[in-house]
C-alpha atoms as a PDB file:
ATOM      1  CA  MET A   1      -3.458  23.310   0.146  1.00  0.00           C
ATOM      2  CA  SER A   2      -2.411  19.922  -1.237  1.00  0.00           C
ATOM      3  CA  VAL A   3       0.942  18.404  -0.004  1.00  0.00           C
ATOM      4  CA  PRO A   4       2.114  15.072  -1.755  1.00  0.00           C
ATOM      5  CA  LEU A   5       3.021  12.132   0.574  1.00  0.00           C
ATOM      6  CA  MET A   6       4.750   8.860  -0.421  1.00  0.00           C
ATOM      7  CA  LEU A   7       4.024   5.836   1.264  1.00  0.00           C
ATOM      8  CA  PHE A   8       6.443   3.036   0.490  1.00  0.00           C
ATOM      9  CA  VAL A   9       5.129  -0.690   1.000  1.00  0.00           C
ATOM     10  CA  THR A  10       7.438  -3.417   0.342  1.00  0.00           C
ATOM     11  CA  PRO A  11       6.184  -6.076  -2.149  1.00  0.00           C
ATOM     12  CA  GLY A  12       6.573  -8.699   0.549  1.00  0.00           C
ATOM     13  CA  MET A  13       4.435  -7.017   2.817  1.00  0.00           C
ATOM     14  CA  VAL A  14       1.747  -6.473   0.257  1.00  0.00           C
ATOM     15  CA  ILE A  15       1.942  -9.989  -0.780  1.00  0.00           C
ATOM     16  CA  ALA A  16       1.665 -11.049   2.732  1.00  0.00           C
ATOM     17  CA  LEU A  17      -1.411  -9.052   3.565  1.00  0.00           C
ATOM     18  CA  ILE A  18      -2.949 -10.097  -0.008  1.00  0.00           C
ATOM     19  CA  ASP A  19      -2.356 -13.606   1.036  1.00  0.00           C
ATOM     20  CA  HIS A  20      -3.853 -13.563   4.423  1.00  0.00           C
ATOM     21  CA  MET A  21      -6.848 -11.762   2.975  1.00  0.00           C
ATOM     22  CA  LEU A  22      -7.423 -14.478   0.744  1.00  0.00           C
ATOM     23  CA  GLY A  23      -6.878 -17.190   3.381  1.00  0.00           C
ATOM     24  CA  GLY A  24      -3.575 -18.177   2.432  1.00  0.00           C
ATOM     25  CA  GLU A  25      -0.612 -19.427   4.362  1.00  0.00           C
ATOM     26  CA  ASP A  26       1.167 -16.722   6.653  1.00  0.00           C
ATOM     27  CA  VAL A  27       4.655 -17.525   5.035  1.00  0.00           C
ATOM     28  CA  VAL A  28       5.027 -16.066   1.401  1.00  0.00           C
ATOM     29  CA  ALA A  29       8.425 -15.918  -0.375  1.00  0.00           C
ATOM     30  CA  VAL A  30       8.645 -12.915  -2.809  1.00  0.00           C
ATOM     31  CA  GLU A  31      11.632 -12.430  -5.410  1.00  0.00           C
ATOM     32  CA  ASP A  32      13.055  -8.862  -6.022  1.00  0.00           C
ATOM     33  CA  ASP A  33      11.727  -8.786  -9.361  1.00  0.00           C
ATOM     34  CA  TYR A  34       8.179  -9.657  -8.642  1.00  0.00           C
ATOM     35  CA  ARG A  35       5.255  -8.210 -10.909  1.00  0.00           C
ATOM     36  CA  TYR A  36       1.828  -8.208  -9.345  1.00  0.00           C
ATOM     37  CA  SER A  37      -1.000  -9.514 -11.074  1.00  0.00           C
ATOM     38  CA  ASP A  38      -4.140  -7.420 -11.992  1.00  0.00           C
ATOM     39  CA  VAL A  39      -6.002  -8.912  -8.989  1.00  0.00           C
ATOM     40  CA  GLU A  40      -3.042  -8.128  -6.612  1.00  0.00           C
ATOM     41  CA  ARG A  41      -2.788  -4.757  -7.995  1.00  0.00           C
ATOM     42  CA  ALA A  42      -6.464  -4.142  -7.224  1.00  0.00           C
ATOM     43  CA  LEU A  43      -6.226  -5.527  -3.725  1.00  0.00           C
ATOM     44  CA  TYR A  44      -2.951  -3.572  -3.438  1.00  0.00           C
ATOM     45  CA  LYS A  45      -4.999  -0.153  -4.054  1.00  0.00           C
ATOM     46  CA  ARG A  46      -7.503  -1.245  -1.322  1.00  0.00           C
ATOM     47  CA  ILE A  47      -4.652  -2.046   1.224  1.00  0.00           C
ATOM     48  CA  VAL A  48      -3.114   1.471   0.790  1.00  0.00           C
ATOM     49  CA  GLU A  49      -6.621   3.076   0.658  1.00  0.00           C
ATOM     50  CA  TYR A  50      -7.106   1.390   4.026  1.00  0.00           C
ATOM     51  CA  MET A  51      -3.859   2.686   5.498  1.00  0.00           C
ATOM     52  CA  THR A  52      -4.455   6.232   4.368  1.00  0.00           C
ATOM     53  CA  GLY A  53      -7.798   6.000   6.172  1.00  0.00           C
ATOM     54  CA  THR A  54      -6.276   4.882   9.209  1.00  0.00           C
ATOM     55  CA  LEU A  55      -3.829   7.690   8.786  1.00  0.00           C
ATOM     56  CA  LYS A  56      -6.622  10.282   8.770  1.00  0.00           C
ATOM     57  CA  ASP A  57      -8.036   8.548  11.918  1.00  0.00           C
ATOM     58  CA  GLY A  58      -4.745   8.701  13.680  1.00  0.00           C
ATOM     59  CA  PHE A  59      -4.090  12.333  13.030  1.00  0.00           C
ATOM     60  CA  SER A  60      -7.907  13.299  13.838  1.00  0.00           C
ATOM     61  CA  ASN A  61      -7.278  14.387  17.388  1.00  0.00           C
ATOM     62  CA  TYR A  62      -4.474  16.733  16.381  1.00  0.00           C
ATOM     63  CA  VAL A  63      -5.384  18.200  13.115  1.00  0.00           C
ATOM     64  CA  SER A  64      -8.199  18.202  10.346  1.00  0.00           C
ATOM     65  CA  ILE A  65      -6.295  16.448   7.376  1.00  0.00           C
ATOM     66  CA  ASP A  66      -7.519  14.417   4.464  1.00  0.00           C
ATOM     67  CA  PHE A  67      -5.373  11.561   2.884  1.00  0.00           C
ATOM     68  CA  SER A  68      -6.176  10.514  -0.794  1.00  0.00           C
ATOM     69  CA  VAL A  69      -4.720   7.682  -3.113  1.00  0.00           C
ATOM     70  CA  GLU A  70      -3.942   9.312  -6.266  1.00  0.00           C
ATOM     71  CA  HIS A  71      -1.404   6.805  -7.706  1.00  0.00           C
ATOM     72  CA  VAL A  72      -0.085   3.250  -6.989  1.00  0.00           C
ATOM     73  CA  GLU A  73       3.455   2.890  -8.299  1.00  0.00           C
ATOM     74  CA  GLU A  74       4.892  -0.583  -8.588  1.00  0.00           C
ATOM     75  CA  ASN A  75       8.364   0.515  -9.992  1.00  0.00           C
ATOM     76  CA  GLN A  76      10.809   0.494  -7.099  1.00  0.00           C
ATOM     77  CA  PRO A  77      13.674   2.207  -8.732  1.00  0.00           C
ATOM     78  CA  TRP A  78      11.449   5.190  -9.638  1.00  0.00           C
ATOM     79  CA  SER A  79      10.369   5.565  -6.110  1.00  0.00           C
ATOM     80  CA  ARG A  80      13.582   5.678  -4.686  1.00  0.00           C
ATOM     81  CA  MET A  81      14.252   8.850  -6.437  1.00  0.00           C
END
């Protein structure tokens, strides 16, 4: 049985994580209408895949569950529905 799960990560958090991964400063300002570059989008997907892996590890003592990333959506208004 497959049940969808939506994971929302704010753009500010994603950009801060990407900036940290690339060795940048820890203070990053992100505007509300920010659009990710192709490189940022690829790193964003890797971050989400890592997060889903840690979710699986976190639940492994309680239930056998497999999380997978099917789609990464950047359109915030769509994700609020």
